[in-house]
Every structure is written in structure tokens, then in C-alpha cells.
Amino acid sequence: FVGRFTQVPPVERYAEGTGNPDLPLMSAWQASVGADWRQGAWTLDSALFASHMEHLVVRDTELVFRADYEGGRLYDESVPIFPEVTGRAFGWETMLRLEPGGSLWGWAALTLSRSLRVGDDGSVFPGDYDQPVALTLLGAWDAPRSWQVSGRFRVTSGHPFTPLYGVYDPEWD
């Protein structure tokens, strides 16, 4: 598979007054190649994937000097900015399924990947949704009377960005 995709940036990132209204459409070239193998009740799917992305918009902050003339105070304030960056993502994903034909079935999936962004200055940093390792295990039982009981366990690494929602300044209460 090879494809070219475009998407409008999230509205808060390009709206006048809160973002950057001059942002172009985000775009990406994506490709993947994979194969599957089946032996009896077992199925193994595996694929390599890659993407080159342009005109991505990331959230950052910039320190702005402010003056409160009525209160006679000077302070710095962090305000959001939305610079345009390029990016790339690549990895490998595989899934092993067991479907023996009875009432029990399940699967295990593993993804090893990276999602990186490149700033104007050449700096490379993880994307907001970078998950280098993702492992999912699922088991299910088709119970009587059209009921189905299942459980899923998932563990991932990543999500390197923790948003800052506010700061308490005791001097300003």
C-alpha cells in the first residue's frame, strides 16, 4: 500500500486569535508492506510501515512579557504557539490470532514504532502520540445464550508530552 493523505489542522491550531491562521493543509505520504500466514487455527499477520509528514502543527509555549499598570506589577506569561514542523513515523506490527473453532478464541498484538517530529532548527523530538512499544492481549469466550465474555490487557510506552493546565501563584492568589 502507498498513499498520499491531507488533513486540515485542528481548529484551535489555526483559528484567528488562538492559533496560526496561515497554516497549510497537513499532508503525508504513507506506505506499508505486510504478509500473513495461516496454519490450522493459528493466523499470523505482520507488516512494516512508514510515513513522511509535512506541515504538521505542534503545540508549544512562548514566554511573553506583560505589564499590569493598574496593579504596578510586571510578569512573564506562557502563551501557546503553534509552529509548523515535519515528521516521520515508522515501525513493525504483528498479530497472532487463535481461532480453534470452539467457544474460546483470542489474539496477541505487538507494535514497535517511532513517531518523530523535526523542527525548523533541525531538532528531533517525539510526536505527541509516540508509542514505541504497544502490546495487547485479548481472550474471549462465546458463552451460551448469545453472550460473549472477553478481557483485554494492554501496555504501552510513550505519550511523552504532559500538558500544563495551570500554575498557582500564591502572590496573585
Protein backbone atom coordinates (compact mmCIF):
# COMPACT_ATOMS: atom_id res chain seq x y z
CA PHE A 1 0.00 0.00 0.00
CA VAL A 2 1.18 3.53 -0.79
CA GLY A 3 -0.96 6.62 -0.32
CA ARG A 4 -0.95 10.40 -0.08
CA PHE A 5 -3.21 11.98 2.54
CA THR A 6 -4.14 15.55 3.52
CA GLN A 7 -5.99 16.93 6.51
CA VAL A 8 -6.99 20.31 7.92
CA PRO A 9 -5.14 21.14 11.18
CA PRO A 10 -7.24 21.03 14.37
CA VAL A 11 -9.32 24.21 14.52
CA GLU A 12 -7.71 25.58 17.69
CA ARG A 13 -4.31 25.47 15.99
CA TYR A 14 -5.20 27.67 13.03
CA ALA A 15 -8.10 29.82 14.27
CA GLU A 16 -7.51 33.57 14.24
CA GLY A 17 -6.68 34.82 17.74
CA THR A 18 -5.82 31.43 19.24
CA GLY A 19 -3.59 29.82 16.63
CA ASN A 20 -1.81 30.40 13.36
CA PRO A 21 -4.30 31.25 10.55
CA ASP A 22 -1.59 30.89 7.85
CA LEU A 23 -1.15 27.13 8.28
CA PRO A 24 -1.42 25.00 5.11
CA LEU A 25 -3.10 21.58 4.96
CA MET A 26 -1.20 18.84 6.78
CA SER A 27 -0.09 16.11 4.36
CA ALA A 28 1.60 12.71 4.47
CA TRP A 29 2.99 10.01 2.24
CA GLN A 30 2.36 6.63 3.83
CA ALA A 31 3.42 3.13 2.83
CA SER A 32 3.21 -0.36 4.26
CA VAL A 33 4.04 -3.89 3.21
CA GLY A 34 2.88 -7.00 5.00
CA ALA A 35 2.14 -10.68 4.85
CA ASP A 36 0.05 -13.23 6.66
CA TRP A 37 0.40 -16.94 7.36
CA ARG A 38 -2.32 -19.40 8.36
CA GLN A 39 -1.88 -22.87 9.82
CA GLY A 40 -4.98 -24.54 11.19
CA ALA A 41 -6.43 -22.40 14.00
CA TRP A 42 -3.42 -20.03 14.02
CA THR A 43 -3.04 -16.87 11.92
CA LEU A 44 -0.01 -14.59 11.94
CA ASP A 45 -0.14 -11.13 10.32
CA SER A 46 2.91 -8.90 10.13
CA ALA A 47 3.64 -5.57 8.44
CA LEU A 48 6.25 -2.83 8.15
CA PHE A 49 5.01 0.76 7.80
CA ALA A 50 6.44 4.24 7.27
CA SER A 51 5.14 7.76 6.85
CA HIS A 52 6.65 11.11 5.89
CA MET A 53 4.53 14.04 7.08
CA GLU A 54 4.67 17.74 6.16
CA HIS A 55 3.07 20.89 7.58
CA LEU A 56 2.30 19.27 10.94
CA VAL A 57 1.31 21.62 13.73
CA VAL A 58 2.62 21.14 17.25
CA ARG A 59 1.65 22.98 20.40
CA ASP A 60 4.45 24.81 22.18
CA THR A 61 4.66 27.71 24.57
CA GLU A 62 6.37 31.06 24.34
CA LEU A 63 7.21 33.38 27.22
CA VAL A 64 5.67 36.83 26.76
CA PHE A 65 6.41 39.88 28.91
CA ARG A 66 3.28 41.52 30.33
CA ALA A 67 2.77 44.62 32.42
CA ASP A 68 -0.17 45.26 34.74
CA TYR A 69 -0.16 49.06 35.02
CA GLU A 70 -3.08 49.29 37.45
CA GLY A 71 -1.53 46.88 39.93
CA GLY A 72 2.02 48.06 39.22
CA ARG A 73 3.24 44.52 38.52
CA LEU A 74 5.44 43.11 35.79
CA TYR A 75 5.27 39.44 34.90
CA ASP A 76 6.04 36.86 32.24
CA GLU A 77 3.26 34.69 30.84
CA SER A 78 3.45 31.45 28.85
CA VAL A 79 1.19 31.61 25.82
CA PRO A 80 0.54 28.80 23.35
CA ILE A 81 2.11 28.96 19.89
CA PHE A 82 1.61 26.52 17.02
CA PRO A 83 4.74 26.12 14.86
CA GLU A 84 4.76 24.06 11.67
CA VAL A 85 7.08 21.02 11.63
CA THR A 86 7.75 17.93 9.52
CA GLY A 87 7.59 14.40 10.83
CA ARG A 88 8.19 10.76 10.19
CA ALA A 89 6.81 7.57 11.65
CA PHE A 90 7.95 4.02 11.07
CA GLY A 91 7.64 0.62 12.64
CA TRP A 92 6.60 -3.01 12.63
CA GLU A 93 3.35 -4.55 13.79
CA THR A 94 2.36 -8.17 14.16
CA MET A 95 -0.71 -10.05 15.39
CA LEU A 96 -1.05 -13.72 16.32
CA ARG A 97 -4.65 -14.99 16.40
CA LEU A 98 -6.00 -18.28 17.72
CA GLU A 99 -9.45 -19.30 16.43
CA PRO A 100 -9.81 -23.03 17.15
CA GLY A 101 -13.45 -23.10 16.07
CA GLY A 102 -14.88 -23.64 19.55
CA SER A 103 -16.13 -21.10 22.05
CA LEU A 104 -12.65 -19.83 23.08
CA TRP A 105 -10.54 -17.54 20.92
CA GLY A 106 -8.06 -14.68 21.28
CA TRP A 107 -5.12 -12.78 19.92
CA ALA A 108 -1.87 -11.03 20.83
CA ALA A 109 -0.61 -7.93 19.03
CA LEU A 110 2.76 -6.19 19.25
CA THR A 111 3.77 -2.88 17.67
CA LEU A 112 7.29 -1.43 17.73
CA SER A 113 7.37 2.05 16.25
CA ARG A 114 8.58 5.65 16.45
CA SER A 115 6.82 8.89 15.64
CA LEU A 116 9.27 11.81 15.40
CA ARG A 117 8.99 15.50 14.59
CA VAL A 118 11.70 17.73 13.10
CA GLY A 119 11.68 21.44 13.96
CA ASP A 120 12.88 24.31 11.77
CA ASP A 121 16.18 24.31 13.64
CA GLY A 122 16.79 20.61 12.87
CA SER A 123 15.89 19.43 16.38
CA VAL A 124 14.23 16.00 16.52
CA PHE A 125 11.66 15.21 19.22
CA PRO A 126 8.92 12.61 19.78
CA GLY A 127 5.45 13.30 18.42
CA ASP A 128 2.55 13.82 20.81
CA TYR A 129 1.32 10.27 20.24
CA ASP A 130 4.64 8.42 20.03
CA GLN A 131 4.25 4.90 21.45
CA PRO A 132 7.49 2.97 20.84
CA VAL A 133 6.08 -0.27 22.28
CA ALA A 134 2.45 -1.41 22.40
CA LEU A 135 1.43 -4.91 23.49
CA THR A 136 -2.20 -6.06 23.57
CA LEU A 137 -3.52 -9.46 24.70
CA LEU A 138 -7.17 -10.43 24.28
CA GLY A 139 -9.07 -13.55 25.22
CA ALA A 140 -12.76 -14.29 24.67
CA TRP A 141 -15.36 -16.95 25.36
CA ASP A 142 -18.59 -17.30 23.41
CA ALA A 143 -20.93 -18.18 26.29
CA PRO A 144 -24.39 -19.72 25.97
CA ARG A 145 -27.48 -17.64 25.09
CA SER A 146 -25.57 -15.31 22.71
CA TRP A 147 -23.40 -13.90 25.50
CA GLN A 148 -19.74 -13.19 24.98
CA VAL A 149 -17.22 -12.69 27.80
CA SER A 150 -13.83 -11.17 27.00
CA GLY A 151 -10.89 -9.45 28.59
CA ARG A 152 -8.13 -7.28 27.26
CA PHE A 153 -4.73 -6.33 28.67
CA ARG A 154 -2.75 -3.50 27.04
CA VAL A 155 0.56 -1.94 27.96
CA THR A 156 2.30 0.86 26.05
CA SER A 157 5.19 3.21 26.37
CA GLY A 158 5.11 6.76 25.14
CA HIS A 159 2.89 9.83 25.24
CA PRO A 160 5.93 11.97 26.10
CA PHE A 161 4.04 15.25 26.49
CA THR A 162 2.28 16.18 29.72
CA PRO A 163 0.15 19.27 29.22
CA LEU A 164 0.41 22.12 31.71
CA TYR A 165 -3.11 23.27 32.53
CA GLY A 166 -2.33 25.95 35.10
CA VAL A 167 0.06 27.30 37.66
CA TYR A 168 -0.80 28.60 41.11
CA ASP A 169 0.96 31.83 42.04
CA PRO A 170 0.41 32.48 45.77
CA GLU A 171 1.35 36.15 45.39
CA TRP A 172 -1.58 36.64 42.99
CA ASP A 173 -3.79 34.09 44.79
